[in-house]
Amino acid sequence: MKPEPASRSGLAGPTGYSVHGAGEPLVLIHGVGMSRAIWQPQVEHFARDHQVVVYDMLGHGDSAIPPEGVSLRDYAMQLVQLLDHLQIPAAHLAGHSMGALVALEFALAFPERTRSVAALNAVFLRSPEQRVAVTERAASLGQASVAIPVEPTIERWFGNPVPAPLQASALQVAQLLRAVDPVGYARTYQLFASSDRVHADRLGSLRMPALFMTGALDPNSSPAMSQEMARRAPHSTLDIVPQARHMMTVTHPGRINQGLRDFLEAQPR
């Protein structure tokens, strides 16, 4: 029987992290309100032949709360410091939602440390209506005492009512949303709400292979957004997942894992 891949967890400065398996490094970056725990289906799949690194974004899980006015560059530098701590010179990156923005920022700022980048359920050039909605949500989080809007978020991500096959995933996501620090959540979400344009003029300079994948039924990280990002990036692959919504990494893990694996295996070693 093949032994279980080695795992370890710890703190690297402000960052809580876990490492699983051995092989080519693959870093997974979660979205707003989540934690590294959300990647369990991907960890189980990829740790068989990759060194999988998962970590808590600033303001989430075991990581430090970011300062007011935190920037995408700050989140990219968090990953630089973690890779330095782990002595990883370069890695494949896959980010979900806000994590996709961080992954793209890192890839653009540190191309020599990025073997490939996958942007899952990424936002890009929101419509005026989408921008108003997300800006209003961000403004409502301005006070630390404001409760995180768990139920509306679950409805956006899973539907109302939540379909029976997705209820376990929705419960896991709701538990993570209830556990996140409200200040960390608010500061990260406010950055997320204003960052859908930051890479618009830079995607053409991506040097490495890039995957843009989203759910066919995701209204806020829509197929049209991924299609436009793929059109602008020079070495891109587009993958639209049928019947999937925003949290496709947990609702359709087999399909997402296979799509990521196909992309990674197409890259030169």
C-alpha atoms as a PDB file:
ATOM      1  CA  MET A   1       0.000   0.000   0.000  1.00  0.00           C
ATOM      2  CA  LYS A   2       1.295   3.440  -0.916  1.00  0.00           C
ATOM      3  CA  PRO A   3       2.131   5.472   2.230  1.00  0.00           C
ATOM      4  CA  GLU A   4       0.147   8.574   3.026  1.00  0.00           C
ATOM      5  CA  PRO A   5       1.927  11.750   1.860  1.00  0.00           C
ATOM      6  CA  ALA A   6       3.737  13.671   4.600  1.00  0.00           C
ATOM      7  CA  SER A   7       1.934  16.718   5.993  1.00  0.00           C
ATOM      8  CA  ARG A   8       2.963  19.542   8.266  1.00  0.00           C
ATOM      9  CA  SER A   9       1.465  22.822   9.455  1.00  0.00           C
ATOM     10  CA  GLY A  10       2.882  25.924  11.076  1.00  0.00           C
ATOM     11  CA  LEU A  11       3.254  29.677  11.120  1.00  0.00           C
ATOM     12  CA  ALA A  12       5.545  31.665   8.828  1.00  0.00           C
ATOM     13  CA  GLY A  13       5.544  35.185  10.232  1.00  0.00           C
ATOM     14  CA  PRO A  14       1.937  36.356   9.900  1.00  0.00           C
ATOM     15  CA  THR A  15       0.785  33.314   7.914  1.00  0.00           C
ATOM     16  CA  GLY A  16      -0.783  30.030   8.953  1.00  0.00           C
ATOM     17  CA  TYR A  17      -0.028  27.296   6.438  1.00  0.00           C
ATOM     18  CA  SER A  18      -0.007  23.560   5.741  1.00  0.00           C
ATOM     19  CA  VAL A  19       2.117  21.512   3.355  1.00  0.00           C
ATOM     20  CA  HIS A  20       1.090  18.105   2.015  1.00  0.00           C
ATOM     21  CA  GLY A  21       2.889  15.598  -0.176  1.00  0.00           C
ATOM     22  CA  ALA A  22       5.991  15.907  -2.307  1.00  0.00           C
ATOM     23  CA  GLY A  23       6.773  16.811  -5.907  1.00  0.00           C
ATOM     24  CA  GLU A  24       6.323  19.952  -7.963  1.00  0.00           C
ATOM     25  CA  PRO A  25       5.001  22.748  -5.704  1.00  0.00           C
ATOM     26  CA  LEU A  26       1.354  23.721  -6.119  1.00  0.00           C
ATOM     27  CA  VAL A  27      -0.006  26.619  -4.047  1.00  0.00           C
ATOM     28  CA  LEU A  28      -3.769  26.939  -3.514  1.00  0.00           C
ATOM     29  CA  ILE A  29      -5.176  30.337  -2.483  1.00  0.00           C
ATOM     30  CA  HIS A  30      -8.700  30.577  -1.048  1.00  0.00           C
ATOM     31  CA  GLY A  31     -11.314  33.316  -1.407  1.00  0.00           C
ATOM     32  CA  VAL A  32     -12.821  35.896   0.944  1.00  0.00           C
ATOM     33  CA  GLY A  33     -14.335  34.405   4.086  1.00  0.00           C
ATOM     34  CA  MET A  34     -12.808  30.972   3.599  1.00  0.00           C
ATOM     35  CA  SER A  35      -9.616  29.352   4.915  1.00  0.00           C
ATOM     36  CA  ARG A  36      -7.064  26.796   3.745  1.00  0.00           C
ATOM     37  CA  ALA A  37      -9.483  24.072   4.937  1.00  0.00           C
ATOM     38  CA  ILE A  38     -11.718  24.719   1.899  1.00  0.00           C
ATOM     39  CA  TRP A  39      -9.114  23.065  -0.358  1.00  0.00           C
ATOM     40  CA  GLN A  40      -9.358  19.597   1.203  1.00  0.00           C
ATOM     41  CA  PRO A  41     -10.697  17.888  -1.966  1.00  0.00           C
ATOM     42  CA  GLN A  42      -7.815  19.356  -3.972  1.00  0.00           C
ATOM     43  CA  VAL A  43      -5.223  18.521  -1.295  1.00  0.00           C
ATOM     44  CA  GLU A  44      -6.323  14.893  -1.233  1.00  0.00           C
ATOM     45  CA  HIS A  45      -6.086  14.671  -5.012  1.00  0.00           C
ATOM     46  CA  PHE A  46      -2.862  16.554  -5.736  1.00  0.00           C
ATOM     47  CA  ALA A  47      -0.755  15.594  -2.708  1.00  0.00           C
ATOM     48  CA  ARG A  48      -0.268  12.184  -4.307  1.00  0.00           C
ATOM     49  CA  ASP A  49       2.272  13.689  -6.710  1.00  0.00           C
ATOM     50  CA  HIS A  50       2.714  17.376  -5.794  1.00  0.00           C
ATOM     51  CA  GLN A  51       3.954  19.358  -2.841  1.00  0.00           C
ATOM     52  CA  VAL A  52       0.666  21.108  -2.079  1.00  0.00           C
ATOM     53  CA  VAL A  53       0.838  24.331  -0.065  1.00  0.00           C
ATOM     54  CA  VAL A  54      -2.344  25.797   1.393  1.00  0.00           C
ATOM     55  CA  TYR A  55      -2.399  28.865   3.600  1.00  0.00           C
ATOM     56  CA  ASP A  56      -4.739  31.354   5.225  1.00  0.00           C
ATOM     57  CA  MET A  57      -4.978  34.685   3.475  1.00  0.00           C
ATOM     58  CA  LEU A  58      -4.357  37.751   5.644  1.00  0.00           C
ATOM     59  CA  GLY A  59      -7.411  38.339   7.815  1.00  0.00           C
ATOM     60  CA  HIS A  60      -8.448  34.685   7.734  1.00  0.00           C
ATOM     61  CA  GLY A  61      -7.844  31.520   9.742  1.00  0.00           C
ATOM     62  CA  ASP A  62      -4.540  31.565  11.617  1.00  0.00           C
ATOM     63  CA  SER A  63      -3.084  34.501   9.688  1.00  0.00           C
ATOM     64  CA  ALA A  64      -2.713  38.089  10.883  1.00  0.00           C
ATOM     65  CA  ILE A  65      -5.299  40.803  10.308  1.00  0.00           C
ATOM     66  CA  PRO A  66      -4.242  43.113   7.442  1.00  0.00           C
ATOM     67  CA  PRO A  67      -3.939  46.870   7.995  1.00  0.00           C
ATOM     68  CA  GLU A  68      -6.538  49.318   6.759  1.00  0.00           C
ATOM     69  CA  GLY A  69      -5.995  50.117   3.110  1.00  0.00           C
ATOM     70  CA  VAL A  70      -4.345  46.760   2.421  1.00  0.00           C
ATOM     71  CA  SER A  71      -3.445  46.208  -1.240  1.00  0.00           C
ATOM     72  CA  LEU A  72      -3.211  43.240  -3.579  1.00  0.00           C
ATOM     73  CA  ARG A  73       0.550  43.740  -3.475  1.00  0.00           C
ATOM     74  CA  ASP A  74       0.421  43.073   0.280  1.00  0.00           C
ATOM     75  CA  TYR A  75      -1.352  39.761  -0.330  1.00  0.00           C
ATOM     76  CA  ALA A  76       1.199  38.852  -3.005  1.00  0.00           C
ATOM     77  CA  MET A  77       4.035  39.677  -0.602  1.00  0.00           C
ATOM     78  CA  GLN A  78       2.442  37.396   1.988  1.00  0.00           C
ATOM     79  CA  LEU A  79       2.928  34.554  -0.473  1.00  0.00           C
ATOM     80  CA  VAL A  80       6.503  35.625  -1.262  1.00  0.00           C
ATOM     81  CA  GLN A  81       7.367  35.436   2.433  1.00  0.00           C
ATOM     82  CA  LEU A  82       5.717  32.022   2.755  1.00  0.00           C
ATOM     83  CA  LEU A  83       7.570  30.570  -0.246  1.00  0.00           C
ATOM     84  CA  ASP A  84      10.831  31.963   1.119  1.00  0.00           C
ATOM     85  CA  HIS A  85      10.108  30.328   4.480  1.00  0.00           C
ATOM     86  CA  LEU A  86       9.426  27.001   2.762  1.00  0.00           C
ATOM     87  CA  GLN A  87      12.467  27.427   0.481  1.00  0.00           C
ATOM     88  CA  ILE A  88      10.336  27.069  -2.636  1.00  0.00           C
ATOM     89  CA  PRO A  89      11.885  29.054  -5.511  1.00  0.00           C
ATOM     90  CA  ALA A  90       8.891  28.747  -7.862  1.00  0.00           C
ATOM     91  CA  ALA A  91       5.467  27.109  -7.840  1.00  0.00           C
ATOM     92  CA  HIS A  92       2.277  26.528  -9.772  1.00  0.00           C
ATOM     93  CA  LEU A  93      -0.503  28.764  -8.393  1.00  0.00           C
ATOM     94  CA  ALA A  94      -4.252  28.237  -8.297  1.00  0.00           C
ATOM     95  CA  GLY A  95      -6.519  30.801  -6.679  1.00  0.00           C
ATOM     96  CA  HIS A  96     -10.269  30.910  -6.191  1.00  0.00           C
ATOM     97  CA  SER A  97     -12.264  34.174  -6.359  1.00  0.00           C
ATOM     98  CA  MET A  98     -10.241  36.707  -4.322  1.00  0.00           C
ATOM     99  CA  GLY A  99      -7.467  34.124  -4.330  1.00  0.00           C
ATOM    100  CA  ALA A 100      -7.475  34.266  -8.138  1.00  0.00           C
ATOM    101  CA  LEU A 101      -6.759  37.998  -7.962  1.00  0.00           C
ATOM    102  CA  VAL A 102      -3.888  37.329  -5.560  1.00  0.00           C
ATOM    103  CA  ALA A 103      -2.515  34.577  -7.805  1.00  0.00           C
ATOM    104  CA  LEU A 104      -2.608  36.844 -10.865  1.00  0.00           C
ATOM    105  CA  GLU A 105      -1.005  39.704  -8.929  1.00  0.00           C
ATOM    106  CA  PHE A 106       1.783  37.391  -7.784  1.00  0.00           C
ATOM    107  CA  ALA A 107       2.290  36.000 -11.297  1.00  0.00           C
ATOM    108  CA  LEU A 108       2.538  39.491 -12.790  1.00  0.00           C
ATOM    109  CA  ALA A 109       4.857  40.813 -10.081  1.00  0.00           C
ATOM    110  CA  PHE A 110       7.032  37.697  -9.683  1.00  0.00           C
ATOM    111  CA  PRO A 111       7.002  35.798 -12.986  1.00  0.00           C
ATOM    112  CA  GLU A 112      10.290  34.067 -12.197  1.00  0.00           C
ATOM    113  CA  ARG A 113       8.611  32.403  -9.207  1.00  0.00           C
ATOM    114  CA  THR A 114       5.452  31.351 -11.076  1.00  0.00           C
ATOM    115  CA  ARG A 115       5.463  28.166 -13.163  1.00  0.00           C
ATOM    116  CA  SER A 116       1.812  28.549 -14.116  1.00  0.00           C
ATOM    117  CA  VAL A 117      -1.263  30.325 -12.778  1.00  0.00           C
ATOM    118  CA  ALA A 118      -4.891  29.182 -12.591  1.00  0.00           C
ATOM    119  CA  ALA A 119      -7.633  31.744 -11.896  1.00  0.00           C
ATOM    120  CA  LEU A 120     -10.807  29.992 -10.711  1.00  0.00           C
ATOM    121  CA  ASN A 121     -14.085  31.946 -10.504  1.00  0.00           C
ATOM    122  CA  ALA A 122     -12.212  35.209 -10.982  1.00  0.00           C
ATOM    123  CA  VAL A 123     -13.920  38.592 -11.268  1.00  0.00           C
ATOM    124  CA  PHE A 124     -12.997  40.879 -14.140  1.00  0.00           C
ATOM    125  CA  LEU A 125     -14.470  44.154 -15.379  1.00  0.00           C
ATOM    126  CA  ARG A 126     -17.773  43.953 -13.528  1.00  0.00           C
ATOM    127  CA  SER A 127     -20.844  45.484 -15.147  1.00  0.00           C
ATOM    128  CA  PRO A 128     -22.135  48.757 -13.627  1.00  0.00           C
ATOM    129  CA  GLU A 129     -24.915  46.809 -11.905  1.00  0.00           C
ATOM    130  CA  GLN A 130     -22.486  44.255 -10.474  1.00  0.00           C
ATOM    131  CA  ARG A 131     -20.162  47.024  -9.294  1.00  0.00           C
ATOM    132  CA  VAL A 132     -22.974  48.819  -7.465  1.00  0.00           C
ATOM    133  CA  ALA A 133     -24.041  45.613  -5.714  1.00  0.00           C
ATOM    134  CA  VAL A 134     -20.556  44.603  -4.590  1.00  0.00           C
ATOM    135  CA  THR A 135     -19.686  48.163  -3.520  1.00  0.00           C
ATOM    136  CA  GLU A 136     -22.806  48.350  -1.386  1.00  0.00           C
ATOM    137  CA  ARG A 137     -21.954  45.019   0.242  1.00  0.00           C
ATOM    138  CA  ALA A 138     -18.428  46.242   0.962  1.00  0.00           C
ATOM    139  CA  ALA A 139     -19.684  49.531   2.433  1.00  0.00           C
ATOM    140  CA  SER A 140     -22.007  47.647   4.791  1.00  0.00           C
ATOM    141  CA  LEU A 141     -18.956  45.959   6.345  1.00  0.00           C
ATOM    142  CA  GLY A 142     -17.342  49.224   7.391  1.00  0.00           C
ATOM    143  CA  GLN A 143     -17.877  48.626  11.096  1.00  0.00           C
ATOM    144  CA  ALA A 144     -16.202  45.734  12.902  1.00  0.00           C
ATOM    145  CA  SER A 145     -19.433  45.070  14.806  1.00  0.00           C
ATOM    146  CA  VAL A 146     -21.358  44.341  11.616  1.00  0.00           C
ATOM    147  CA  ALA A 147     -22.136  40.639  11.317  1.00  0.00           C
ATOM    148  CA  ILE A 148     -20.880  38.845   8.234  1.00  0.00           C
ATOM    149  CA  PRO A 149     -23.901  38.286   5.934  1.00  0.00           C
ATOM    150  CA  VAL A 150     -23.779  34.490   5.860  1.00  0.00           C
ATOM    151  CA  GLU A 151     -27.258  33.698   4.528  1.00  0.00           C
ATOM    152  CA  PRO A 152     -27.185  36.120   1.552  1.00  0.00           C
ATOM    153  CA  THR A 153     -23.726  34.860   0.640  1.00  0.00           C
ATOM    154  CA  ILE A 154     -24.852  31.235   0.690  1.00  0.00           C
ATOM    155  CA  GLU A 155     -27.822  32.177  -1.495  1.00  0.00           C
ATOM    156  CA  ARG A 156     -25.564  33.909  -4.045  1.00  0.00           C
ATOM    157  CA  TRP A 157     -23.131  30.997  -4.142  1.00  0.00           C
ATOM    158  CA  PHE A 158     -25.474  28.021  -3.941  1.00  0.00           C
ATOM    159  CA  GLY A 159     -28.985  29.225  -4.792  1.00  0.00           C
ATOM    160  CA  ASN A 160     -32.191  29.483  -2.773  1.00  0.00           C
ATOM    161  CA  PRO A 161     -33.187  26.928  -1.786  1.00  0.00           C
ATOM    162  CA  VAL A 162     -29.839  25.163  -1.768  1.00  0.00           C
ATOM    163  CA  PRO A 163     -30.161  22.033  -3.957  1.00  0.00           C
ATOM    164  CA  ALA A 164     -30.032  18.840  -1.906  1.00  0.00           C
ATOM    165  CA  PRO A 165     -26.737  17.588  -3.420  1.00  0.00           C
ATOM    166  CA  LEU A 166     -25.048  20.858  -2.436  1.00  0.00           C
ATOM    167  CA  GLN A 167     -26.305  21.168   1.145  1.00  0.00           C
ATOM    168  CA  ALA A 168     -23.231  19.596   2.771  1.00  0.00           C
ATOM    169  CA  SER A 169     -20.950  21.943   0.848  1.00  0.00           C
ATOM    170  CA  ALA A 170     -23.114  24.936   1.725  1.00  0.00           C
ATOM    171  CA  LEU A 171     -22.981  23.974   5.413  1.00  0.00           C
ATOM    172  CA  GLN A 172     -19.166  23.788   5.335  1.00  0.00           C
ATOM    173  CA  VAL A 173     -18.919  27.174   3.645  1.00  0.00           C
ATOM    174  CA  ALA A 174     -21.395  28.740   6.104  1.00  0.00           C
ATOM    175  CA  GLN A 175     -19.352  27.447   9.042  1.00  0.00           C
ATOM    176  CA  LEU A 176     -16.185  29.023   7.635  1.00  0.00           C
ATOM    177  CA  LEU A 177     -17.962  32.335   7.053  1.00  0.00           C
ATOM    178  CA  ARG A 178     -19.196  32.360  10.650  1.00  0.00           C
ATOM    179  CA  ALA A 179     -15.695  31.629  11.954  1.00  0.00           C
ATOM    180  CA  VAL A 180     -13.784  34.336  10.054  1.00  0.00           C
ATOM    181  CA  ASP A 181     -12.661  37.481  11.870  1.00  0.00           C
ATOM    182  CA  PRO A 182     -15.084  40.289  10.902  1.00  0.00           C
ATOM    183  CA  VAL A 183     -12.336  42.920  10.602  1.00  0.00           C
ATOM    184  CA  GLY A 184     -10.173  40.679   8.439  1.00  0.00           C
ATOM    185  CA  TYR A 185     -13.191  39.800   6.326  1.00  0.00           C
ATOM    186  CA  ALA A 186     -14.265  43.425   5.895  1.00  0.00           C
ATOM    187  CA  ARG A 187     -10.828  44.695   4.868  1.00  0.00           C
ATOM    188  CA  THR A 188     -10.300  41.843   2.433  1.00  0.00           C
ATOM    189  CA  TYR A 189     -13.791  42.116   0.945  1.00  0.00           C
ATOM    190  CA  GLN A 190     -13.418  45.872   0.456  1.00  0.00           C
ATOM    191  CA  LEU A 191     -10.260  45.231  -1.552  1.00  0.00           C
ATOM    192  CA  PHE A 192     -11.987  42.459  -3.507  1.00  0.00           C
ATOM    193  CA  ALA A 193     -14.865  44.809  -4.336  1.00  0.00           C
ATOM    194  CA  SER A 194     -12.535  47.346  -5.953  1.00  0.00           C
ATOM    195  CA  SER A 195     -10.023  45.074  -7.711  1.00  0.00           C
ATOM    196  CA  ASP A 196     -11.840  43.745 -10.772  1.00  0.00           C
ATOM    197  CA  ARG A 197     -10.034  46.246 -13.047  1.00  0.00           C
ATOM    198  CA  VAL A 198      -6.499  46.146 -11.636  1.00  0.00           C
ATOM    199  CA  HIS A 199      -5.181  43.571 -14.118  1.00  0.00           C
ATOM    200  CA  ALA A 200      -7.080  44.786 -17.182  1.00  0.00           C
ATOM    201  CA  ASP A 201      -4.046  46.369 -18.832  1.00  0.00           C
ATOM    202  CA  ARG A 202      -1.541  43.798 -17.540  1.00  0.00           C
ATOM    203  CA  LEU A 203      -2.864  40.383 -18.517  1.00  0.00           C
ATOM    204  CA  GLY A 204      -1.165  40.673 -21.881  1.00  0.00           C
ATOM    205  CA  SER A 205       2.195  40.588 -20.105  1.00  0.00           C
ATOM    206  CA  LEU A 206       1.624  37.245 -18.356  1.00  0.00           C
ATOM    207  CA  ARG A 207       4.678  35.178 -19.316  1.00  0.00           C
ATOM    208  CA  MET A 208       3.558  31.804 -18.026  1.00  0.00           C
ATOM    209  CA  PRO A 209       0.693  29.442 -18.962  1.00  0.00           C
ATOM    210  CA  ALA A 210      -2.597  30.628 -17.474  1.00  0.00           C
ATOM    211  CA  LEU A 211      -5.868  28.786 -16.902  1.00  0.00           C
ATOM    212  CA  PHE A 212      -9.147  30.692 -16.556  1.00  0.00           C
ATOM    213  CA  MET A 213     -11.894  28.447 -15.200  1.00  0.00           C
ATOM    214  CA  THR A 214     -15.338  29.296 -13.866  1.00  0.00           C
ATOM    215  CA  GLY A 215     -18.807  27.849 -13.468  1.00  0.00           C
ATOM    216  CA  ALA A 216     -21.340  28.172 -16.258  1.00  0.00           C
ATOM    217  CA  LEU A 217     -23.929  29.243 -13.654  1.00  0.00           C
ATOM    218  CA  ASP A 218     -21.746  31.697 -11.715  1.00  0.00           C
ATOM    219  CA  PRO A 219     -23.358  35.129 -12.252  1.00  0.00           C
ATOM    220  CA  ASN A 220     -20.709  37.185 -10.452  1.00  0.00           C
ATOM    221  CA  SER A 221     -17.557  35.444 -11.735  1.00  0.00           C
ATOM    222  CA  SER A 222     -19.204  34.817 -15.044  1.00  0.00           C
ATOM    223  CA  PRO A 223     -18.064  32.823 -18.090  1.00  0.00           C
ATOM    224  CA  ALA A 224     -17.844  36.097 -20.010  1.00  0.00           C
ATOM    225  CA  MET A 225     -15.279  37.368 -17.484  1.00  0.00           C
ATOM    226  CA  SER A 226     -13.078  34.283 -17.838  1.00  0.00           C
ATOM    227  CA  GLN A 227     -13.436  34.388 -21.607  1.00  0.00           C
ATOM    228  CA  GLU A 228     -12.226  37.989 -21.702  1.00  0.00           C
ATOM    229  CA  MET A 229      -9.288  37.277 -19.380  1.00  0.00           C
ATOM    230  CA  ALA A 230      -8.295  34.296 -21.522  1.00  0.00           C
ATOM    231  CA  ARG A 231      -8.523  36.463 -24.638  1.00  0.00           C
ATOM    232  CA  ARG A 232      -6.093  38.981 -23.167  1.00  0.00           C
ATOM    233  CA  ALA A 233      -3.541  36.545 -21.719  1.00  0.00           C
ATOM    234  CA  PRO A 234      -1.086  35.259 -24.355  1.00  0.00           C
ATOM    235  CA  HIS A 235      -0.642  31.663 -23.102  1.00  0.00           C
ATOM    236  CA  SER A 236      -4.154  30.932 -21.891  1.00  0.00           C
ATOM    237  CA  THR A 237      -6.540  28.026 -21.511  1.00  0.00           C
ATOM    238  CA  LEU A 238     -10.282  28.550 -20.949  1.00  0.00           C
ATOM    239  CA  ASP A 239     -12.449  26.024 -19.096  1.00  0.00           C
ATOM    240  CA  ILE A 240     -16.158  26.647 -18.347  1.00  0.00           C
ATOM    241  CA  VAL A 241     -17.604  24.031 -16.003  1.00  0.00           C
ATOM    242  CA  PRO A 242     -21.214  23.047 -16.819  1.00  0.00           C
ATOM    243  CA  GLN A 243     -23.834  23.282 -14.062  1.00  0.00           C
ATOM    244  CA  ALA A 244     -21.319  24.784 -11.599  1.00  0.00           C
ATOM    245  CA  ARG A 245     -21.696  27.963  -9.545  1.00  0.00           C
ATOM    246  CA  HIS A 246     -19.213  29.986  -7.506  1.00  0.00           C
ATOM    247  CA  MET A 247     -18.044  27.319  -5.040  1.00  0.00           C
ATOM    248  CA  MET A 248     -17.275  24.741  -7.715  1.00  0.00           C
ATOM    249  CA  THR A 249     -14.097  23.592  -5.966  1.00  0.00           C
ATOM    250  CA  VAL A 250     -16.250  21.957  -3.280  1.00  0.00           C
ATOM    251  CA  THR A 251     -19.419  21.214  -5.250  1.00  0.00           C
ATOM    252  CA  HIS A 252     -17.675  19.719  -8.308  1.00  0.00           C
ATOM    253  CA  PRO A 253     -14.277  18.643  -6.957  1.00  0.00           C
ATOM    254  CA  GLY A 254     -13.748  15.767  -9.383  1.00  0.00           C
ATOM    255  CA  ARG A 255     -14.310  17.962 -12.412  1.00  0.00           C
ATOM    256  CA  ILE A 256     -12.185  20.810 -11.023  1.00  0.00           C
ATOM    257  CA  ASN A 257      -9.351  18.501 -10.027  1.00  0.00           C
ATOM    258  CA  GLN A 258      -9.303  16.917 -13.469  1.00  0.00           C
ATOM    259  CA  GLY A 259      -9.353  20.289 -15.198  1.00  0.00           C
ATOM    260  CA  LEU A 260      -6.459  21.516 -13.069  1.00  0.00           C
ATOM    261  CA  ARG A 261      -4.538  18.286 -13.583  1.00  0.00           C
ATOM    262  CA  ASP A 262      -4.979  18.406 -17.351  1.00  0.00           C
ATOM    263  CA  PHE A 263      -3.663  21.969 -17.325  1.00  0.00           C
ATOM    264  CA  LEU A 264      -0.687  21.178 -15.074  1.00  0.00           C
ATOM    265  CA  GLU A 265       0.287  18.067 -17.016  1.00  0.00           C
ATOM    266  CA  ALA A 266       0.333  20.073 -20.230  1.00  0.00           C
ATOM    267  CA  GLN A 267       3.144  22.247 -18.830  1.00  0.00           C
ATOM    268  CA  PRO A 268       6.820  21.425 -19.359  1.00  0.00           C
ATOM    269  CA  ARG A 269       8.508  19.906 -16.314  1.00  0.00           C
END
